[in-house]
């Protein structure tokens, strides 16, 4: 008897795509927050620091690229 592979569900594909988009958004957001701090824009400093704290592993990846 041959094994028949089932197609992956659409729901799972959408979830993976959504997670990938979220990662890209977080990565871009971490980059923007870091640039705000480097540019020393005082009125954005507090929110930039909070965003960097929330960005988690995305910030580490960004910094290790340099």
PDB file of N, CA and C in Angstrom:
ATOM      1  N   UNK A   1       0.835  -1.195   0.000  1.00  0.00           N
ATOM      2  CA  UNK A   1       0.000   0.000   0.000  1.00  0.00           C
ATOM      3  C   UNK A   1       0.881   1.261   0.000  1.00  0.00           C
ATOM      4  N   UNK A   2       0.559   2.194  -0.899  1.00  0.00           N
ATOM      5  CA  UNK A   2       1.311   3.450  -0.975  1.00  0.00           C
ATOM      6  C   UNK A   2       0.758   4.459   0.022  1.00  0.00           C
ATOM      7  N   UNK A   3       1.666   5.233   0.568  1.00  0.00           N
ATOM      8  CA  UNK A   3       1.244   6.284   1.490  1.00  0.00           C
ATOM      9  C   UNK A   3       0.885   7.525   0.682  1.00  0.00           C
ATOM     10  N   UNK A   4      -0.228   8.089   1.013  1.00  0.00           N
ATOM     11  CA  UNK A   4      -0.683   9.297   0.330  1.00  0.00           C
ATOM     12  C   UNK A   4      -0.436  10.485   1.255  1.00  0.00           C
ATOM     13  N   UNK A   5       0.303  11.468   0.742  1.00  0.00           N
ATOM     14  CA  UNK A   5       0.578  12.654   1.548  1.00  0.00           C
ATOM     15  C   UNK A   5      -0.588  13.629   1.433  1.00  0.00           C
ATOM     16  N   UNK A   6      -1.028  14.075   2.567  1.00  0.00           N
ATOM     17  CA  UNK A   6      -2.114  15.058   2.580  1.00  0.00           C
ATOM     18  C   UNK A   6      -1.533  16.452   2.362  1.00  0.00           C
ATOM     19  N   UNK A   7      -2.286  17.279   1.687  1.00  0.00           N
ATOM     20  CA  UNK A   7      -1.848  18.658   1.479  1.00  0.00           C
ATOM     21  C   UNK A   7      -1.941  19.406   2.802  1.00  0.00           C
ATOM     22  N   UNK A   8      -0.986  20.300   3.062  1.00  0.00           N
ATOM     23  CA  UNK A   8      -1.082  21.088   4.294  1.00  0.00           C
ATOM     24  C   UNK A   8      -2.328  21.974   4.260  1.00  0.00           C
ATOM     25  N   UNK A   9      -2.925  22.137   5.402  1.00  0.00           N
ATOM     26  CA  UNK A   9      -4.168  22.910   5.453  1.00  0.00           C
ATOM     27  C   UNK A   9      -3.914  24.390   5.174  1.00  0.00           C
ATOM     28  N   UNK A  10      -4.902  25.042   4.599  1.00  0.00           N
ATOM     29  CA  UNK A  10      -4.818  26.473   4.302  1.00  0.00           C
ATOM     30  C   UNK A  10      -4.648  27.269   5.593  1.00  0.00           C
ATOM     31  N   UNK A  11      -5.300  26.800   6.646  1.00  0.00           N
ATOM     32  CA  UNK A  11      -5.250  27.509   7.919  1.00  0.00           C
ATOM     33  C   UNK A  11      -3.811  27.571   8.428  1.00  0.00           C
ATOM     34  N   UNK A  12      -3.096  26.457   8.325  1.00  0.00           N
ATOM     35  CA  UNK A  12      -1.717  26.401   8.791  1.00  0.00           C
ATOM     36  C   UNK A  12      -0.834  27.304   7.933  1.00  0.00           C
ATOM     37  N   UNK A  13      -1.047  27.300   6.625  1.00  0.00           N
ATOM     38  CA  UNK A  13      -0.260  28.147   5.732  1.00  0.00           C
ATOM     39  C   UNK A  13      -0.459  29.622   6.060  1.00  0.00           C
ATOM     40  N   UNK A  14      -1.689  30.013   6.345  1.00  0.00           N
ATOM     41  CA  UNK A  14      -1.973  31.405   6.690  1.00  0.00           C
ATOM     42  C   UNK A  14      -1.286  31.785   7.991  1.00  0.00           C
ATOM     43  N   UNK A  15      -1.277  30.852   8.947  1.00  0.00           N
ATOM     44  CA  UNK A  15      -0.651  31.124  10.237  1.00  0.00           C
ATOM     45  C   UNK A  15       0.850  31.313  10.065  1.00  0.00           C
ATOM     46  N   UNK A  16       1.482  30.481   9.279  1.00  0.00           N
ATOM     47  CA  UNK A  16       2.919  30.593   9.033  1.00  0.00           C
ATOM     48  C   UNK A  16       3.232  31.916   8.345  1.00  0.00           C
ATOM     49  N   UNK A  17       2.437  32.290   7.367  1.00  0.00           N
ATOM     50  CA  UNK A  17       2.643  33.552   6.656  1.00  0.00           C
ATOM     51  C   UNK A  17       2.463  34.735   7.608  1.00  0.00           C
ATOM     52  N   UNK A  18       1.468  34.662   8.462  1.00  0.00           N
ATOM     53  CA  UNK A  18       1.217  35.740   9.421  1.00  0.00           C
ATOM     54  C   UNK A  18       2.391  35.875  10.387  1.00  0.00           C
ATOM     55  N   UNK A  19       2.927  34.741  10.868  1.00  0.00           N
ATOM     56  CA  UNK A  19       4.069  34.771  11.779  1.00  0.00           C
ATOM     57  C   UNK A  19       5.297  35.350  11.086  1.00  0.00           C
ATOM     58  N   UNK A  20       5.486  35.008   9.813  1.00  0.00           N
ATOM     59  CA  UNK A  20       6.620  35.528   9.051  1.00  0.00           C
ATOM     60  C   UNK A  20       6.495  37.046   8.887  1.00  0.00           C
ATOM     61  N   UNK A  21       5.286  37.528   8.589  1.00  0.00           N
ATOM     62  CA  UNK A  21       5.054  38.965   8.457  1.00  0.00           C
ATOM     63  C   UNK A  21       5.285  39.680   9.783  1.00  0.00           C
ATOM     64  N   UNK A  22       4.850  39.068  10.866  1.00  0.00           N
ATOM     65  CA  UNK A  22       5.025  39.663  12.183  1.00  0.00           C
ATOM     66  C   UNK A  22       6.505  39.786  12.513  1.00  0.00           C
ATOM     67  N   UNK A  23       7.291  38.758  12.168  1.00  0.00           N
ATOM     68  CA  UNK A  23       8.727  38.806  12.414  1.00  0.00           C
ATOM     69  C   UNK A  23       9.358  39.947  11.634  1.00  0.00           C
ATOM     70  N   UNK A  24       8.966  40.100  10.358  1.00  0.00           N
ATOM     71  CA  UNK A  24       9.515  41.188   9.547  1.00  0.00           C
ATOM     72  C   UNK A  24       9.159  42.536  10.148  1.00  0.00           C
ATOM     73  N   UNK A  25       7.924  42.668  10.604  1.00  0.00           N
ATOM     74  CA  UNK A  25       7.495  43.935  11.202  1.00  0.00           C
ATOM     75  C   UNK A  25       8.276  44.215  12.478  1.00  0.00           C
ATOM     76  N   UNK A  26       8.480  43.192  13.314  1.00  0.00           N
ATOM     77  CA  UNK A  26       9.236  43.376  14.551  1.00  0.00           C
ATOM     78  C   UNK A  26      10.681  43.745  14.256  1.00  0.00           C
ATOM     79  N   UNK A  27      11.261  43.116  13.246  1.00  0.00           N
ATOM     80  CA  UNK A  27      12.646  43.378  12.868  1.00  0.00           C
ATOM     81  C   UNK A  27      12.788  44.818  12.396  1.00  0.00           C
ATOM     82  N   UNK A  28      11.885  45.259  11.541  1.00  0.00           N
ATOM     83  CA  UNK A  28      11.909  46.636  11.041  1.00  0.00           C
ATOM     84  C   UNK A  28      11.682  47.607  12.193  1.00  0.00           C
ATOM     85  N   UNK A  29      10.764  47.265  13.074  1.00  0.00           N
ATOM     86  CA  UNK A  29      10.472  48.132  14.217  1.00  0.00           C
ATOM     87  C   UNK A  29      11.696  48.257  15.126  1.00  0.00           C
ATOM     88  N   UNK A  30      12.420  47.153  15.335  1.00  0.00           N
ATOM     89  CA  UNK A  30      13.635  47.193  16.147  1.00  0.00           C
ATOM     90  C   UNK A  30      14.679  48.090  15.497  1.00  0.00           C
ATOM     91  N   UNK A  31      14.810  48.002  14.178  1.00  0.00           N
ATOM     92  CA  UNK A  31      15.754  48.858  13.446  1.00  0.00           C
ATOM     93  C   UNK A  31      15.382  50.328  13.611  1.00  0.00           C
ATOM     94  N   UNK A  32      14.112  50.635  13.452  1.00  0.00           N
ATOM     95  CA  UNK A  32      13.655  52.019  13.583  1.00  0.00           C
ATOM     96  C   UNK A  32      13.910  52.550  14.989  1.00  0.00           C
ATOM     97  N   UNK A  33      13.634  51.739  15.990  1.00  0.00           N
ATOM     98  CA  UNK A  33      13.827  52.172  17.368  1.00  0.00           C
ATOM     99  C   UNK A  33      15.296  52.436  17.659  1.00  0.00           C
ATOM    100  N   UNK A  34      16.147  51.572  17.154  1.00  0.00           N
ATOM    101  CA  UNK A  34      17.582  51.758  17.349  1.00  0.00           C
ATOM    102  C   UNK A  34      18.062  53.031  16.660  1.00  0.00           C
ATOM    103  N   UNK A  35      17.565  53.286  15.465  1.00  0.00           N
ATOM    104  CA  UNK A  35      17.938  54.515  14.756  1.00  0.00           C
ATOM    105  C   UNK A  35      17.456  55.763  15.491  1.00  0.00           C
ATOM    106  N   UNK A  36      16.265  55.707  16.077  1.00  0.00           N
ATOM    107  CA  UNK A  36      15.775  56.842  16.852  1.00  0.00           C
ATOM    108  C   UNK A  36      16.717  57.147  18.010  1.00  0.00           C
ATOM    109  N   UNK A  37      17.178  56.094  18.697  1.00  0.00           N
ATOM    110  CA  UNK A  37      18.093  56.317  19.812  1.00  0.00           C
ATOM    111  C   UNK A  37      19.429  56.866  19.331  1.00  0.00           C
ATOM    112  N   UNK A  38      19.911  56.360  18.207  1.00  0.00           N
ATOM    113  CA  UNK A  38      21.187  56.833  17.669  1.00  0.00           C
ATOM    114  C   UNK A  38      21.085  58.294  17.231  1.00  0.00           C
ATOM    115  N   UNK A  39      19.936  58.684  16.711  1.00  0.00           N
ATOM    116  CA  UNK A  39      19.734  60.061  16.267  1.00  0.00           C
ATOM    117  C   UNK A  39      19.431  60.988  17.450  1.00  0.00           C
ATOM    118  N   UNK A  40      19.194  60.403  18.623  1.00  0.00           N
ATOM    119  CA  UNK A  40      18.944  61.144  19.859  1.00  0.00           C
ATOM    120  C   UNK A  40      17.758  62.092  19.733  1.00  0.00           C
ATOM    121  N   UNK A  41      16.672  61.597  19.241  1.00  0.00           N
ATOM    122  CA  UNK A  41      15.446  62.395  19.176  1.00  0.00           C
ATOM    123  C   UNK A  41      14.758  62.272  20.535  1.00  0.00           C
ATOM    124  N   UNK A  42      14.888  63.285  21.321  1.00  0.00           N
ATOM    125  CA  UNK A  42      14.451  63.237  22.721  1.00  0.00           C
ATOM    126  C   UNK A  42      12.961  62.925  22.893  1.00  0.00           C
ATOM    127  N   UNK A  43      12.126  63.442  22.029  1.00  0.00           N
ATOM    128  CA  UNK A  43      10.689  63.215  22.207  1.00  0.00           C
ATOM    129  C   UNK A  43      10.281  61.783  21.872  1.00  0.00           C
ATOM    130  N   UNK A  44      11.158  61.017  21.235  1.00  0.00           N
ATOM    131  CA  UNK A  44      10.857  59.614  20.931  1.00  0.00           C
ATOM    132  C   UNK A  44      11.671  58.648  21.794  1.00  0.00           C
ATOM    133  N   UNK A  45      12.545  59.175  22.631  1.00  0.00           N
ATOM    134  CA  UNK A  45      13.478  58.334  23.390  1.00  0.00           C
ATOM    135  C   UNK A  45      12.761  57.286  24.245  1.00  0.00           C
ATOM    136  N   UNK A  46      11.773  57.696  25.004  1.00  0.00           N
ATOM    137  CA  UNK A  46      11.089  56.774  25.920  1.00  0.00           C
ATOM    138  C   UNK A  46      10.385  55.653  25.155  1.00  0.00           C
ATOM    139  N   UNK A  47       9.667  55.994  24.105  1.00  0.00           N
ATOM    140  CA  UNK A  47       8.966  54.961  23.335  1.00  0.00           C
ATOM    141  C   UNK A  47       9.950  54.085  22.575  1.00  0.00           C
ATOM    142  N   UNK A  48      11.075  54.652  22.138  1.00  0.00           N
ATOM    143  CA  UNK A  48      12.083  53.854  21.434  1.00  0.00           C
ATOM    144  C   UNK A  48      12.688  52.815  22.366  1.00  0.00           C
ATOM    145  N   UNK A  49      12.980  53.209  23.592  1.00  0.00           N
ATOM    146  CA  UNK A  49      13.550  52.267  24.559  1.00  0.00           C
ATOM    147  C   UNK A  49      12.557  51.153  24.867  1.00  0.00           C
ATOM    148  N   UNK A  50      11.293  51.497  25.048  1.00  0.00           N
ATOM    149  CA  UNK A  50      10.275  50.468  25.298  1.00  0.00           C
ATOM    150  C   UNK A  50      10.159  49.510  24.114  1.00  0.00           C
ATOM    151  N   UNK A  51      10.212  50.040  22.911  1.00  0.00           N
ATOM    152  CA  UNK A  51      10.125  49.198  21.717  1.00  0.00           C
ATOM    153  C   UNK A  51      11.315  48.261  21.616  1.00  0.00           C
ATOM    154  N   UNK A  52      12.492  48.760  21.964  1.00  0.00           N
ATOM    155  CA  UNK A  52      13.686  47.914  21.928  1.00  0.00           C
ATOM    156  C   UNK A  52      13.579  46.783  22.941  1.00  0.00           C
ATOM    157  N   UNK A  53      13.033  47.078  24.103  1.00  0.00           N
ATOM    158  CA  UNK A  53      12.860  46.037  25.115  1.00  0.00           C
ATOM    159  C   UNK A  53      11.903  44.956  24.626  1.00  0.00           C
ATOM    160  N   UNK A  54      10.856  45.365  23.907  1.00  0.00           N
ATOM    161  CA  UNK A  54       9.862  44.414  23.413  1.00  0.00           C
ATOM    162  C   UNK A  54      10.343  43.643  22.189  1.00  0.00           C
ATOM    163  N   UNK A  55      11.329  44.180  21.481  1.00  0.00           N
ATOM    164  CA  UNK A  55      11.743  43.556  20.224  1.00  0.00           C
ATOM    165  C   UNK A  55      12.460  42.226  20.429  1.00  0.00           C
ATOM    166  N   UNK A  56      12.986  41.995  21.621  1.00  0.00           N
ATOM    167  CA  UNK A  56      13.579  40.711  21.957  1.00  0.00           C
ATOM    168  C   UNK A  56      14.683  40.267  21.024  1.00  0.00           C
ATOM    169  N   UNK A  57      14.575  39.062  20.453  1.00  0.00           N
ATOM    170  CA  UNK A  57      15.655  38.493  19.643  1.00  0.00           C
ATOM    171  C   UNK A  57      15.929  39.256  18.349  1.00  0.00           C
ATOM    172  N   UNK A  58      14.971  40.012  17.869  1.00  0.00           N
ATOM    173  CA  UNK A  58      15.184  40.750  16.629  1.00  0.00           C
ATOM    174  C   UNK A  58      16.323  41.747  16.786  1.00  0.00           C
ATOM    175  N   UNK A  59      16.399  42.384  17.944  1.00  0.00           N
ATOM    176  CA  UNK A  59      17.451  43.368  18.177  1.00  0.00           C
ATOM    177  C   UNK A  59      18.815  42.689  18.237  1.00  0.00           C
ATOM    178  N   UNK A  60      18.895  41.544  18.892  1.00  0.00           N
ATOM    179  CA  UNK A  60      20.159  40.807  18.963  1.00  0.00           C
ATOM    180  C   UNK A  60      20.656  40.444  17.574  1.00  0.00           C
ATOM    181  N   UNK A  61      19.754  39.969  16.733  1.00  0.00           N
ATOM    182  CA  UNK A  61      20.132  39.616  15.363  1.00  0.00           C
ATOM    183  C   UNK A  61      20.620  40.832  14.599  1.00  0.00           C
ATOM    184  N   UNK A  62      19.951  41.952  14.796  1.00  0.00           N
ATOM    185  CA  UNK A  62      20.331  43.181  14.111  1.00  0.00           C
ATOM    186  C   UNK A  62      21.737  43.606  14.516  1.00  0.00           C
ATOM    187  N   UNK A  63      22.018  43.587  15.803  1.00  0.00           N
ATOM    188  CA  UNK A  63      23.316  44.049  16.286  1.00  0.00           C
ATOM    189  C   UNK A  63      24.455  43.109  15.909  1.00  0.00           C
ATOM    190  N   UNK A  64      24.193  41.826  15.800  1.00  0.00           N
ATOM    191  CA  UNK A  64      25.255  40.889  15.436  1.00  0.00           C
ATOM    192  C   UNK A  64      25.601  40.951  13.959  1.00  0.00           C
ATOM    193  N   UNK A  65      24.801  41.637  13.161  1.00  0.00           N
ATOM    194  CA  UNK A  65      25.104  41.765  11.736  1.00  0.00           C
ATOM    195  C   UNK A  65      26.192  42.791  11.476  1.00  0.00           C
ATOM    196  N   UNK A  66      26.484  43.653  12.441  1.00  0.00           N
ATOM    197  CA  UNK A  66      27.481  44.709  12.228  1.00  0.00           C
ATOM    198  C   UNK A  66      28.845  44.285  12.681  1.00  0.00           C
TER     199      UNK A  66
END
